Amino acid sequence: MAALVLGTAALMVSTPAWALYKVIGPDGKVTYTDRAPTDKPAQALRTNGSVSSTANLPFELRQIAGKYPVTLYTTKDCPPCDSGRQSLRQRGIPFTEKSVGTSADLQALQRLENTQQLPVLRVGNQQVKGYSESEWQSYLDAAGYPKQSALAGYQWADATPLAPPAASAPAAKGPANTREPGASTGSGSSTPPPPTGFRF
C-alpha cells in the first residue's frame, strides 16, 4: 500500500502541465512554443486561458511557473481566500487570481474546477479545494517553487473576474466601480455580494 501511495505521489510530481508561450519577435511576428524563451520576454498562456507575463521573474522561477502555473480562485468577504492570497505572496509565488462575484463566474468555476467551494488553488494540473496552509505548501514544494521568496519589486496583478463580462448597455449614471478587490467602502454602493451557492 505504501509503495502505491509513493508511486502515485511521484507520478503527480513528474507529470508536467504543458505550458504554451506566446513570443512576439522584433518584426511583430507571433510565435507559439512550449519552451520558455530565455533571451526575450514571453507570455505564458495558462490552462484557464489567462495570460501571465514571465518577463520580470528570475530565470529559475520563470521555468517553474511555466511548467506549473498557479491560479487562485477567490471571492470577496472570504477570510480563507485572504489567508491563501497572503500565503502565496509571502512565499513569493507568482499567481493569477480569478474572482468569483457573479452567477456567471460561479458557473465558470463549476465548469472549470467542478466545484463551488472557495478558495481553489491550482498548481499546474493539480487542484486543491479550500485553504490549508500545509497542503498548499506541500503542492508548491512538489512543483519545485522556492521555499523563500525570490521576488524583488514584483507586483501581483489585481484579481480579474473569472467569467468575461457580458457586453452591457451604456452605463446609466455615476462612475464605474474602480475599487480594488478586498478594499472596503464606506457607502452601501459597493460591488454586490458573492452569489449564493458557493461555500468556504
N, C-alpha and C. Protein backbone atom coordinates (compact mmCIF):
# COMPACT_ATOMS: atom_id res chain seq x y z
N MET A 1 0.83 -1.19 0.00
CA MET A 1 0.00 0.00 0.00
C MET A 1 0.87 1.25 0.00
N ALA A 2 1.94 1.24 0.83
CA ALA A 2 2.84 2.39 0.90
C ALA A 2 3.50 2.64 -0.45
N ALA A 3 3.87 1.57 -1.15
CA ALA A 3 4.50 1.71 -2.47
C ALA A 3 3.54 2.34 -3.45
N LEU A 4 2.26 1.99 -3.36
CA LEU A 4 1.25 2.56 -4.25
C LEU A 4 1.11 4.06 -4.01
N VAL A 5 1.07 4.45 -2.73
CA VAL A 5 0.96 5.87 -2.38
C VAL A 5 2.17 6.63 -2.87
N LEU A 6 3.38 6.09 -2.65
CA LEU A 6 4.60 6.76 -3.10
C LEU A 6 4.65 6.85 -4.62
N GLY A 7 4.22 5.79 -5.30
CA GLY A 7 4.21 5.80 -6.76
C GLY A 7 3.25 6.84 -7.31
N THR A 8 2.08 6.96 -6.67
CA THR A 8 1.11 7.97 -7.10
C THR A 8 1.65 9.37 -6.87
N ALA A 9 2.29 9.59 -5.72
CA ALA A 9 2.86 10.90 -5.43
C ALA A 9 3.95 11.25 -6.42
N ALA A 10 4.79 10.29 -6.77
CA ALA A 10 5.86 10.54 -7.75
C ALA A 10 5.28 10.87 -9.11
N LEU A 11 4.21 10.19 -9.48
CA LEU A 11 3.57 10.46 -10.76
C LEU A 11 2.99 11.86 -10.79
N MET A 12 2.38 12.29 -9.67
CA MET A 12 1.82 13.64 -9.60
C MET A 12 2.91 14.68 -9.80
N VAL A 13 4.07 14.46 -9.21
CA VAL A 13 5.16 15.42 -9.31
C VAL A 13 5.78 15.40 -10.69
N SER A 14 5.86 14.22 -11.31
CA SER A 14 6.58 14.12 -12.58
C SER A 14 5.73 14.46 -13.78
N THR A 15 4.40 14.52 -13.64
CA THR A 15 3.54 14.81 -14.77
C THR A 15 3.48 16.31 -14.98
N PRO A 16 4.03 16.85 -16.08
CA PRO A 16 4.02 18.29 -16.26
C PRO A 16 2.68 18.78 -16.76
N ALA A 17 2.38 20.05 -16.44
CA ALA A 17 1.23 20.72 -17.04
C ALA A 17 1.81 21.50 -18.20
N TRP A 18 1.59 21.03 -19.41
CA TRP A 18 2.25 21.62 -20.57
C TRP A 18 1.91 23.08 -20.69
N ALA A 19 2.92 23.89 -20.84
CA ALA A 19 2.73 25.33 -20.98
C ALA A 19 2.91 25.72 -22.43
N LEU A 20 2.24 26.77 -22.82
CA LEU A 20 2.36 27.30 -24.17
C LEU A 20 2.74 28.77 -24.02
N TYR A 21 3.75 29.19 -24.77
CA TYR A 21 4.23 30.56 -24.67
C TYR A 21 3.98 31.30 -25.97
N LYS A 22 3.60 32.55 -25.83
CA LYS A 22 3.40 33.43 -26.99
C LYS A 22 4.57 34.40 -27.01
N VAL A 23 5.34 34.37 -28.10
CA VAL A 23 6.51 35.23 -28.25
C VAL A 23 6.29 36.14 -29.45
N ILE A 24 6.48 37.44 -29.24
CA ILE A 24 6.35 38.41 -30.33
C ILE A 24 7.75 38.90 -30.68
N GLY A 25 8.19 38.62 -31.90
CA GLY A 25 9.53 38.99 -32.34
C GLY A 25 9.63 40.47 -32.65
N PRO A 26 10.85 40.99 -32.87
CA PRO A 26 11.05 42.40 -33.16
C PRO A 26 10.34 42.85 -34.43
N ASP A 27 10.08 41.91 -35.34
CA ASP A 27 9.39 42.25 -36.58
C ASP A 27 7.87 42.13 -36.44
N GLY A 28 7.40 41.82 -35.22
CA GLY A 28 5.97 41.70 -34.97
C GLY A 28 5.42 40.31 -35.21
N LYS A 29 6.27 39.39 -35.62
CA LYS A 29 5.84 38.02 -35.89
C LYS A 29 5.54 37.31 -34.57
N VAL A 30 4.38 36.66 -34.51
CA VAL A 30 3.96 35.94 -33.31
C VAL A 30 4.30 34.47 -33.46
N THR A 31 4.95 33.91 -32.45
CA THR A 31 5.32 32.51 -32.44
C THR A 31 4.80 31.88 -31.16
N TYR A 32 4.29 30.65 -31.25
CA TYR A 32 3.86 29.89 -30.08
C TYR A 32 4.83 28.73 -29.89
N THR A 33 5.26 28.53 -28.65
CA THR A 33 6.22 27.48 -28.36
C THR A 33 5.92 26.87 -27.00
N ASP A 34 6.39 25.65 -26.78
CA ASP A 34 6.21 25.03 -25.47
C ASP A 34 7.45 25.17 -24.60
N ARG A 35 8.42 25.95 -25.06
CA ARG A 35 9.64 26.20 -24.27
C ARG A 35 9.73 27.68 -23.95
N ALA A 36 9.97 27.98 -22.67
CA ALA A 36 10.09 29.38 -22.26
C ALA A 36 11.36 29.97 -22.84
N PRO A 37 11.26 31.05 -23.63
CA PRO A 37 12.48 31.65 -24.18
C PRO A 37 13.30 32.30 -23.08
N THR A 38 14.61 32.22 -23.20
CA THR A 38 15.49 32.80 -22.18
C THR A 38 16.04 34.15 -22.61
N ASP A 39 15.92 34.49 -23.89
CA ASP A 39 16.53 35.72 -24.39
C ASP A 39 15.54 36.84 -24.63
N LYS A 40 14.25 36.62 -24.42
CA LYS A 40 13.26 37.66 -24.67
C LYS A 40 12.03 37.44 -23.80
N PRO A 41 11.28 38.52 -23.53
CA PRO A 41 10.06 38.37 -22.74
C PRO A 41 9.04 37.50 -23.47
N ALA A 42 8.23 36.80 -22.70
CA ALA A 42 7.20 35.96 -23.28
C ALA A 42 5.97 36.02 -22.40
N GLN A 43 4.86 35.60 -22.95
CA GLN A 43 3.63 35.48 -22.17
C GLN A 43 3.27 34.02 -22.10
N ALA A 44 3.07 33.52 -20.88
CA ALA A 44 2.66 32.13 -20.71
C ALA A 44 1.15 32.07 -20.81
N LEU A 45 0.67 31.24 -21.71
CA LEU A 45 -0.77 31.05 -21.85
C LEU A 45 -1.17 29.96 -20.88
N ARG A 46 -2.00 30.31 -19.91
CA ARG A 46 -2.35 29.38 -18.85
C ARG A 46 -3.49 28.46 -19.27
N THR A 47 -3.65 27.38 -18.52
CA THR A 47 -4.67 26.39 -18.87
C THR A 47 -6.06 26.97 -18.76
N ASN A 48 -6.25 28.04 -17.95
CA ASN A 48 -7.58 28.62 -17.85
C ASN A 48 -7.79 29.73 -18.87
N GLY A 49 -6.84 29.91 -19.79
CA GLY A 49 -6.99 30.89 -20.85
C GLY A 49 -6.42 32.25 -20.52
N SER A 50 -6.02 32.50 -19.28
CA SER A 50 -5.47 33.80 -18.94
C SER A 50 -4.00 33.86 -19.35
N VAL A 51 -3.48 35.07 -19.43
CA VAL A 51 -2.10 35.27 -19.85
C VAL A 51 -1.32 35.83 -18.69
N SER A 52 -0.16 35.31 -18.46
CA SER A 52 0.69 35.80 -17.38
C SER A 52 2.07 36.14 -17.93
N SER A 53 2.53 37.35 -17.66
CA SER A 53 3.84 37.75 -18.12
C SER A 53 4.91 37.11 -17.25
N THR A 54 5.93 36.55 -17.88
CA THR A 54 7.03 35.93 -17.14
C THR A 54 8.30 36.75 -17.22
N ALA A 55 8.22 37.93 -17.85
CA ALA A 55 9.42 38.71 -18.13
C ALA A 55 10.15 39.16 -16.87
N ASN A 56 9.43 39.47 -15.80
CA ASN A 56 10.06 40.03 -14.60
C ASN A 56 10.46 38.99 -13.57
N LEU A 57 10.35 37.72 -13.90
CA LEU A 57 10.67 36.68 -12.93
C LEU A 57 12.12 36.24 -13.07
N PRO A 58 12.76 35.85 -11.95
CA PRO A 58 14.09 35.24 -12.05
C PRO A 58 14.00 33.99 -12.92
N PHE A 59 15.11 33.64 -13.59
CA PHE A 59 15.11 32.56 -14.57
C PHE A 59 14.53 31.25 -14.03
N GLU A 60 15.03 30.79 -12.87
CA GLU A 60 14.57 29.51 -12.33
C GLU A 60 13.09 29.55 -11.99
N LEU A 61 12.64 30.66 -11.42
CA LEU A 61 11.23 30.79 -11.07
C LEU A 61 10.37 30.85 -12.33
N ARG A 62 10.89 31.48 -13.38
CA ARG A 62 10.17 31.54 -14.65
C ARG A 62 9.97 30.15 -15.22
N GLN A 63 11.01 29.29 -15.10
CA GLN A 63 10.91 27.92 -15.60
C GLN A 63 9.85 27.13 -14.83
N ILE A 64 9.83 27.28 -13.51
CA ILE A 64 8.86 26.56 -12.69
C ILE A 64 7.45 27.05 -12.98
N ALA A 65 7.29 28.39 -13.04
CA ALA A 65 5.97 28.96 -13.31
C ALA A 65 5.46 28.58 -14.69
N GLY A 66 6.38 28.36 -15.63
CA GLY A 66 5.97 27.91 -16.96
C GLY A 66 5.45 26.49 -16.95
N LYS A 67 6.08 25.62 -16.15
CA LYS A 67 5.65 24.22 -16.08
C LYS A 67 4.43 24.05 -15.17
N TYR A 68 4.43 24.78 -14.06
CA TYR A 68 3.38 24.62 -13.05
C TYR A 68 2.78 25.98 -12.69
N PRO A 69 2.02 26.58 -13.61
CA PRO A 69 1.42 27.89 -13.31
C PRO A 69 0.44 27.77 -12.14
N VAL A 70 0.36 28.83 -11.34
CA VAL A 70 -0.50 28.83 -10.17
C VAL A 70 -1.67 29.78 -10.41
N THR A 71 -2.88 29.28 -10.19
CA THR A 71 -4.09 30.09 -10.31
C THR A 71 -4.85 29.97 -9.00
N LEU A 72 -5.32 31.12 -8.50
CA LEU A 72 -6.10 31.16 -7.26
C LEU A 72 -7.48 31.71 -7.58
N TYR A 73 -8.51 30.96 -7.19
CA TYR A 73 -9.90 31.39 -7.36
C TYR A 73 -10.42 31.86 -6.01
N THR A 74 -10.92 33.10 -5.96
CA THR A 74 -11.35 33.70 -4.70
C THR A 74 -12.67 34.43 -4.88
N THR A 75 -13.17 34.95 -3.76
CA THR A 75 -14.32 35.85 -3.78
C THR A 75 -14.12 36.87 -2.67
N LYS A 76 -14.93 37.91 -2.67
CA LYS A 76 -14.78 38.93 -1.63
C LYS A 76 -15.41 38.44 -0.33
N ASP A 77 -15.01 39.07 0.77
CA ASP A 77 -15.51 38.72 2.10
C ASP A 77 -15.30 37.23 2.39
N CYS A 78 -14.11 36.75 2.08
CA CYS A 78 -13.78 35.32 2.25
C CYS A 78 -12.46 35.23 3.00
N PRO A 79 -12.48 35.10 4.33
CA PRO A 79 -11.23 35.03 5.10
C PRO A 79 -10.27 33.94 4.62
N PRO A 80 -10.74 32.72 4.26
CA PRO A 80 -9.78 31.71 3.77
C PRO A 80 -9.11 32.16 2.46
N CYS A 81 -9.86 32.87 1.61
CA CYS A 81 -9.28 33.39 0.35
C CYS A 81 -8.17 34.40 0.67
N ASP A 82 -8.46 35.28 1.64
CA ASP A 82 -7.47 36.29 2.02
C ASP A 82 -6.21 35.63 2.59
N SER A 83 -6.41 34.61 3.43
CA SER A 83 -5.26 33.90 4.02
C SER A 83 -4.44 33.21 2.93
N GLY A 84 -5.11 32.58 1.98
CA GLY A 84 -4.41 31.90 0.90
C GLY A 84 -3.62 32.86 0.03
N ARG A 85 -4.23 33.99 -0.31
CA ARG A 85 -3.53 35.01 -1.12
C ARG A 85 -2.29 35.50 -0.39
N GLN A 86 -2.44 35.80 0.91
CA GLN A 86 -1.32 36.29 1.70
C GLN A 86 -0.20 35.25 1.78
N SER A 87 -0.56 33.98 1.92
CA SER A 87 0.42 32.90 1.99
C SER A 87 1.23 32.82 0.70
N LEU A 88 0.55 32.89 -0.45
CA LEU A 88 1.25 32.83 -1.75
C LEU A 88 2.19 34.02 -1.90
N ARG A 89 1.75 35.20 -1.52
CA ARG A 89 2.59 36.39 -1.66
C ARG A 89 3.79 36.34 -0.73
N GLN A 90 3.59 35.86 0.49
CA GLN A 90 4.72 35.77 1.43
C GLN A 90 5.78 34.81 0.92
N ARG A 91 5.37 33.75 0.27
CA ARG A 91 6.33 32.78 -0.25
C ARG A 91 6.93 33.25 -1.57
N GLY A 92 6.36 34.28 -2.18
CA GLY A 92 6.88 34.80 -3.44
C GLY A 92 6.44 33.98 -4.63
N ILE A 93 5.20 33.52 -4.62
CA ILE A 93 4.67 32.71 -5.72
C ILE A 93 3.97 33.62 -6.72
N PRO A 94 4.41 33.64 -7.97
CA PRO A 94 3.66 34.40 -8.99
C PRO A 94 2.39 33.62 -9.32
N PHE A 95 1.25 34.28 -9.24
CA PHE A 95 -0.01 33.58 -9.49
C PHE A 95 -1.01 34.50 -10.16
N THR A 96 -1.98 33.89 -10.82
CA THR A 96 -3.10 34.60 -11.42
C THR A 96 -4.28 34.42 -10.49
N GLU A 97 -4.95 35.53 -10.17
CA GLU A 97 -6.12 35.44 -9.29
C GLU A 97 -7.38 35.72 -10.09
N LYS A 98 -8.33 34.80 -9.99
CA LYS A 98 -9.63 34.94 -10.64
C LYS A 98 -10.70 35.08 -9.56
N SER A 99 -11.51 36.13 -9.67
CA SER A 99 -12.53 36.37 -8.65
C SER A 99 -13.88 35.83 -9.11
N VAL A 100 -14.62 35.33 -8.14
CA VAL A 100 -15.96 34.81 -8.37
C VAL A 100 -16.92 35.76 -7.66
N GLY A 101 -17.64 36.57 -8.44
CA GLY A 101 -18.52 37.56 -7.85
C GLY A 101 -19.90 37.61 -8.48
N THR A 102 -20.11 36.86 -9.53
CA THR A 102 -21.41 36.85 -10.21
C THR A 102 -21.84 35.41 -10.46
N SER A 103 -23.09 35.26 -10.87
CA SER A 103 -23.58 33.92 -11.20
C SER A 103 -22.80 33.33 -12.37
N ALA A 104 -22.43 34.19 -13.33
CA ALA A 104 -21.64 33.72 -14.48
C ALA A 104 -20.28 33.21 -14.02
N ASP A 105 -19.66 33.92 -13.06
CA ASP A 105 -18.38 33.47 -12.50
C ASP A 105 -18.54 32.11 -11.82
N LEU A 106 -19.62 31.97 -11.07
CA LEU A 106 -19.86 30.72 -10.35
C LEU A 106 -20.05 29.56 -11.32
N GLN A 107 -20.78 29.81 -12.40
CA GLN A 107 -20.97 28.77 -13.42
C GLN A 107 -19.64 28.41 -14.07
N ALA A 108 -18.81 29.42 -14.32
CA ALA A 108 -17.49 29.16 -14.92
C ALA A 108 -16.62 28.36 -13.97
N LEU A 109 -16.69 28.67 -12.67
CA LEU A 109 -15.92 27.92 -11.67
C LEU A 109 -16.37 26.45 -11.66
N GLN A 110 -17.67 26.23 -11.71
CA GLN A 110 -18.18 24.86 -11.72
C GLN A 110 -17.71 24.12 -12.97
N ARG A 111 -17.71 24.81 -14.11
CA ARG A 111 -17.30 24.19 -15.37
C ARG A 111 -15.81 23.89 -15.38
N LEU A 112 -14.99 24.84 -14.91
CA LEU A 112 -13.53 24.69 -14.96
C LEU A 112 -12.98 23.79 -13.87
N GLU A 113 -13.50 23.96 -12.65
CA GLU A 113 -12.91 23.28 -11.49
C GLU A 113 -13.82 22.24 -10.86
N ASN A 114 -15.07 22.11 -11.37
CA ASN A 114 -16.02 21.13 -10.88
C ASN A 114 -16.27 21.28 -9.38
N THR A 115 -16.39 22.52 -8.93
CA THR A 115 -16.68 22.80 -7.53
C THR A 115 -17.28 24.19 -7.41
N GLN A 116 -17.93 24.43 -6.28
CA GLN A 116 -18.39 25.78 -5.95
C GLN A 116 -17.80 26.20 -4.60
N GLN A 117 -16.83 25.46 -4.13
CA GLN A 117 -16.14 25.78 -2.89
C GLN A 117 -15.00 26.73 -3.18
N LEU A 118 -14.81 27.73 -2.34
CA LEU A 118 -13.71 28.67 -2.50
C LEU A 118 -12.94 28.78 -1.20
N PRO A 119 -11.66 29.06 -1.24
CA PRO A 119 -10.85 29.24 -2.44
C PRO A 119 -10.49 27.91 -3.09
N VAL A 120 -10.05 28.01 -4.33
CA VAL A 120 -9.49 26.87 -5.06
C VAL A 120 -8.10 27.28 -5.52
N LEU A 121 -7.13 26.43 -5.27
CA LEU A 121 -5.76 26.65 -5.74
C LEU A 121 -5.46 25.63 -6.81
N ARG A 122 -4.92 26.08 -7.93
CA ARG A 122 -4.47 25.16 -8.97
C ARG A 122 -2.98 25.38 -9.17
N VAL A 123 -2.21 24.30 -9.00
CA VAL A 123 -0.76 24.31 -9.22
C VAL A 123 -0.50 23.36 -10.37
N GLY A 124 -0.25 23.91 -11.55
CA GLY A 124 -0.13 23.07 -12.74
C GLY A 124 -1.46 22.39 -13.00
N ASN A 125 -1.46 21.06 -13.03
CA ASN A 125 -2.72 20.35 -13.25
C ASN A 125 -3.30 19.79 -11.96
N GLN A 126 -2.76 20.20 -10.81
CA GLN A 126 -3.25 19.72 -9.52
C GLN A 126 -4.16 20.76 -8.88
N GLN A 127 -5.30 20.30 -8.35
CA GLN A 127 -6.28 21.19 -7.74
C GLN A 127 -6.35 20.95 -6.24
N VAL A 128 -6.43 22.05 -5.47
CA VAL A 128 -6.62 21.96 -4.03
C VAL A 128 -7.84 22.80 -3.67
N LYS A 129 -8.86 22.16 -3.11
CA LYS A 129 -10.08 22.88 -2.71
C LYS A 129 -9.96 23.31 -1.26
N GLY A 130 -10.36 24.54 -0.98
CA GLY A 130 -10.30 25.05 0.37
C GLY A 130 -8.88 25.47 0.72
N TYR A 131 -8.74 26.14 1.87
CA TYR A 131 -7.42 26.62 2.27
C TYR A 131 -6.87 25.80 3.42
N SER A 132 -5.74 25.19 3.20
CA SER A 132 -4.97 24.51 4.23
C SER A 132 -3.52 24.88 3.99
N GLU A 133 -2.94 25.62 4.91
CA GLU A 133 -1.57 26.10 4.74
C GLU A 133 -0.61 24.95 4.42
N SER A 134 -0.68 23.88 5.21
CA SER A 134 0.27 22.78 5.00
C SER A 134 0.05 22.08 3.65
N GLU A 135 -1.21 21.92 3.27
CA GLU A 135 -1.48 21.25 1.99
C GLU A 135 -1.02 22.12 0.82
N TRP A 136 -1.31 23.41 0.88
CA TRP A 136 -0.87 24.31 -0.19
C TRP A 136 0.65 24.29 -0.31
N GLN A 137 1.33 24.37 0.84
CA GLN A 137 2.79 24.40 0.81
C GLN A 137 3.36 23.10 0.24
N SER A 138 2.73 21.97 0.53
CA SER A 138 3.25 20.70 0.01
C SER A 138 3.10 20.63 -1.51
N TYR A 139 2.02 21.15 -2.05
CA TYR A 139 1.85 21.16 -3.51
C TYR A 139 2.87 22.09 -4.17
N LEU A 140 3.12 23.24 -3.55
CA LEU A 140 4.11 24.18 -4.09
C LEU A 140 5.51 23.58 -4.00
N ASP A 141 5.79 22.87 -2.89
CA ASP A 141 7.08 22.18 -2.76
C ASP A 141 7.25 21.14 -3.86
N ALA A 142 6.20 20.35 -4.10
CA ALA A 142 6.28 19.29 -5.11
C ALA A 142 6.51 19.86 -6.51
N ALA A 143 5.99 21.06 -6.76
CA ALA A 143 6.19 21.70 -8.07
C ALA A 143 7.59 22.29 -8.19
N GLY A 144 8.28 22.46 -7.06
CA GLY A 144 9.65 22.97 -7.11
C GLY A 144 9.77 24.46 -6.82
N TYR A 145 8.69 25.09 -6.37
CA TYR A 145 8.78 26.52 -6.04
C TYR A 145 9.70 26.73 -4.85
N PRO A 146 10.50 27.82 -4.86
CA PRO A 146 11.39 28.09 -3.73
C PRO A 146 10.60 28.28 -2.43
N LYS A 147 11.19 27.85 -1.32
CA LYS A 147 10.52 27.99 -0.03
C LYS A 147 10.54 29.43 0.47
N GLN A 148 11.52 30.19 0.02
CA GLN A 148 11.63 31.61 0.39
C GLN A 148 11.43 32.44 -0.87
N SER A 149 10.86 33.62 -0.70
CA SER A 149 10.58 34.48 -1.84
C SER A 149 11.86 34.87 -2.58
N ALA A 150 11.83 34.71 -3.91
CA ALA A 150 12.94 35.14 -4.76
C ALA A 150 12.53 36.36 -5.57
N LEU A 151 11.41 36.96 -5.21
CA LEU A 151 10.89 38.11 -5.95
C LEU A 151 11.31 39.40 -5.27
N ALA A 152 11.80 40.34 -6.07
CA ALA A 152 12.14 41.66 -5.54
C ALA A 152 11.42 42.69 -6.40
N GLY A 153 10.56 43.48 -5.77
CA GLY A 153 9.84 44.51 -6.50
C GLY A 153 8.76 43.97 -7.42
N TYR A 154 8.36 42.73 -7.24
CA TYR A 154 7.33 42.13 -8.09
C TYR A 154 5.95 42.65 -7.69
N GLN A 155 5.12 42.94 -8.66
CA GLN A 155 3.76 43.41 -8.39
C GLN A 155 2.78 42.36 -8.90
N TRP A 156 1.97 41.82 -8.00
CA TRP A 156 0.94 40.87 -8.41
C TRP A 156 -0.20 41.64 -9.06
N ALA A 157 -0.72 41.08 -10.12
CA ALA A 157 -1.85 41.71 -10.81
C ALA A 157 -3.10 41.60 -9.95
N ASP A 158 -4.00 42.57 -10.11
CA ASP A 158 -5.27 42.52 -9.42
C ASP A 158 -6.08 41.33 -9.92
N ALA A 159 -6.98 40.86 -9.08
CA ALA A 159 -7.87 39.77 -9.47
C ALA A 159 -8.76 40.24 -10.61
N THR A 160 -9.04 39.33 -11.53
CA THR A 160 -9.95 39.63 -12.63
C THR A 160 -11.12 38.66 -12.56
N PRO A 161 -12.30 39.09 -13.05
CA PRO A 161 -13.46 38.20 -13.00
C PRO A 161 -13.19 36.90 -13.76
N LEU A 162 -13.68 35.81 -13.23
CA LEU A 162 -13.47 34.52 -13.87
C LEU A 162 -14.19 34.45 -15.21
N ALA A 163 -15.45 34.89 -15.23
CA ALA A 163 -16.20 34.90 -16.49
C ALA A 163 -16.03 36.27 -17.14
N PRO A 164 -15.80 36.31 -18.45
CA PRO A 164 -15.66 37.61 -19.10
C PRO A 164 -16.95 38.40 -18.95
N PRO A 165 -16.86 39.71 -18.70
CA PRO A 165 -18.07 40.50 -18.53
C PRO A 165 -18.89 40.50 -19.81
N ALA A 166 -20.20 40.40 -19.64
CA ALA A 166 -21.09 40.42 -20.80
C ALA A 166 -21.13 41.82 -21.37
N ALA A 167 -21.36 41.91 -22.67
CA ALA A 167 -21.50 43.22 -23.30
C ALA A 167 -22.69 43.92 -22.67
N SER A 168 -22.45 45.10 -22.16
CA SER A 168 -23.52 45.79 -21.45
C SER A 168 -23.91 47.06 -22.18
N ALA A 169 -25.09 47.54 -21.84
CA ALA A 169 -25.59 48.79 -22.39
C ALA A 169 -24.77 49.92 -21.80
N PRO A 170 -24.81 51.11 -22.39
CA PRO A 170 -24.07 52.23 -21.82
C PRO A 170 -24.42 52.42 -20.36
N ALA A 171 -23.42 52.79 -19.58
CA ALA A 171 -23.61 52.95 -18.14
C ALA A 171 -24.69 53.97 -17.86
N ALA A 172 -25.52 53.68 -16.86
CA ALA A 172 -26.62 54.57 -16.51
C ALA A 172 -26.10 55.89 -16.00
N LYS A 173 -25.72 55.95 -14.76
CA LYS A 173 -25.16 57.19 -14.24
C LYS A 173 -24.16 56.84 -13.16
N GLY A 174 -23.24 57.73 -12.96
CA GLY A 174 -22.21 57.51 -11.95
C GLY A 174 -21.01 56.82 -12.55
N PRO A 175 -19.85 56.98 -11.93
CA PRO A 175 -18.62 56.38 -12.45
C PRO A 175 -18.61 54.88 -12.22
N ALA A 176 -17.79 54.21 -13.00
CA ALA A 176 -17.63 52.77 -12.84
C ALA A 176 -16.96 52.49 -11.51
N ASN A 177 -17.23 51.34 -10.97
CA ASN A 177 -16.62 50.95 -9.70
C ASN A 177 -15.18 50.53 -9.97
N THR A 178 -14.24 51.35 -9.48
CA THR A 178 -12.82 51.05 -9.71
C THR A 178 -12.15 50.58 -8.43
N ARG A 179 -12.95 50.23 -7.44
CA ARG A 179 -12.43 49.81 -6.16
C ARG A 179 -11.63 48.52 -6.32
N GLU A 180 -10.49 48.43 -5.63
CA GLU A 180 -9.68 47.22 -5.68
C GLU A 180 -10.34 46.11 -4.89
N PRO A 181 -10.12 44.85 -5.29
CA PRO A 181 -10.70 43.73 -4.55
C PRO A 181 -10.24 43.76 -3.10
N GLY A 182 -11.17 43.52 -2.21
CA GLY A 182 -10.83 43.46 -0.80
C GLY A 182 -10.85 44.79 -0.10
N ALA A 183 -10.89 45.92 -0.88
CA ALA A 183 -10.91 47.23 -0.25
C ALA A 183 -12.30 47.50 0.26
N SER A 184 -12.40 48.14 1.42
CA SER A 184 -13.72 48.42 1.96
C SER A 184 -14.17 49.80 1.53
N THR A 185 -15.46 49.97 1.46
CA THR A 185 -16.03 51.27 1.12
C THR A 185 -16.94 51.68 2.25
N GLY A 186 -17.11 52.93 2.38
CA GLY A 186 -17.94 53.44 3.45
C GLY A 186 -19.40 53.51 3.05
N SER A 187 -19.73 53.38 1.79
CA SER A 187 -21.11 53.50 1.36
C SER A 187 -21.70 52.14 1.10
N GLY A 188 -23.00 52.13 0.88
CA GLY A 188 -23.69 50.88 0.61
C GLY A 188 -23.68 50.53 -0.86
N SER A 189 -22.96 51.31 -1.70
CA SER A 189 -22.97 51.08 -3.14
C SER A 189 -21.75 50.30 -3.60
N SER A 190 -21.29 49.37 -2.78
CA SER A 190 -20.13 48.56 -3.17
C SER A 190 -20.58 47.47 -4.13
N THR A 191 -19.62 46.69 -4.59
CA THR A 191 -19.95 45.61 -5.51
C THR A 191 -20.89 44.64 -4.81
N PRO A 192 -21.75 43.96 -5.58
CA PRO A 192 -22.71 43.06 -4.96
C PRO A 192 -22.01 41.91 -4.26
N PRO A 193 -22.69 41.34 -3.25
CA PRO A 193 -22.08 40.22 -2.55
C PRO A 193 -21.95 39.03 -3.48
N PRO A 194 -21.10 38.08 -3.12
CA PRO A 194 -20.95 36.89 -3.95
C PRO A 194 -22.28 36.18 -4.14
N PRO A 195 -22.45 35.50 -5.26
CA PRO A 195 -23.71 34.79 -5.50
C PRO A 195 -23.91 33.67 -4.49
N THR A 196 -25.17 33.35 -4.27
CA THR A 196 -25.45 32.24 -3.37
C THR A 196 -25.05 30.95 -4.05
N GLY A 197 -24.73 29.96 -3.28
CA GLY A 197 -24.41 28.67 -3.87
C GLY A 197 -23.00 28.22 -3.59
N PHE A 198 -22.05 29.16 -3.43
CA PHE A 198 -20.70 28.71 -3.15
C PHE A 198 -20.50 28.63 -1.66
N ARG A 199 -19.44 27.95 -1.23
CA ARG A 199 -19.17 27.82 0.20
C ARG A 199 -17.68 27.95 0.44
N PHE A 200 -17.35 28.34 1.67
CA PHE A 200 -15.95 28.47 2.07
C PHE A 200 -15.46 27.13 2.54
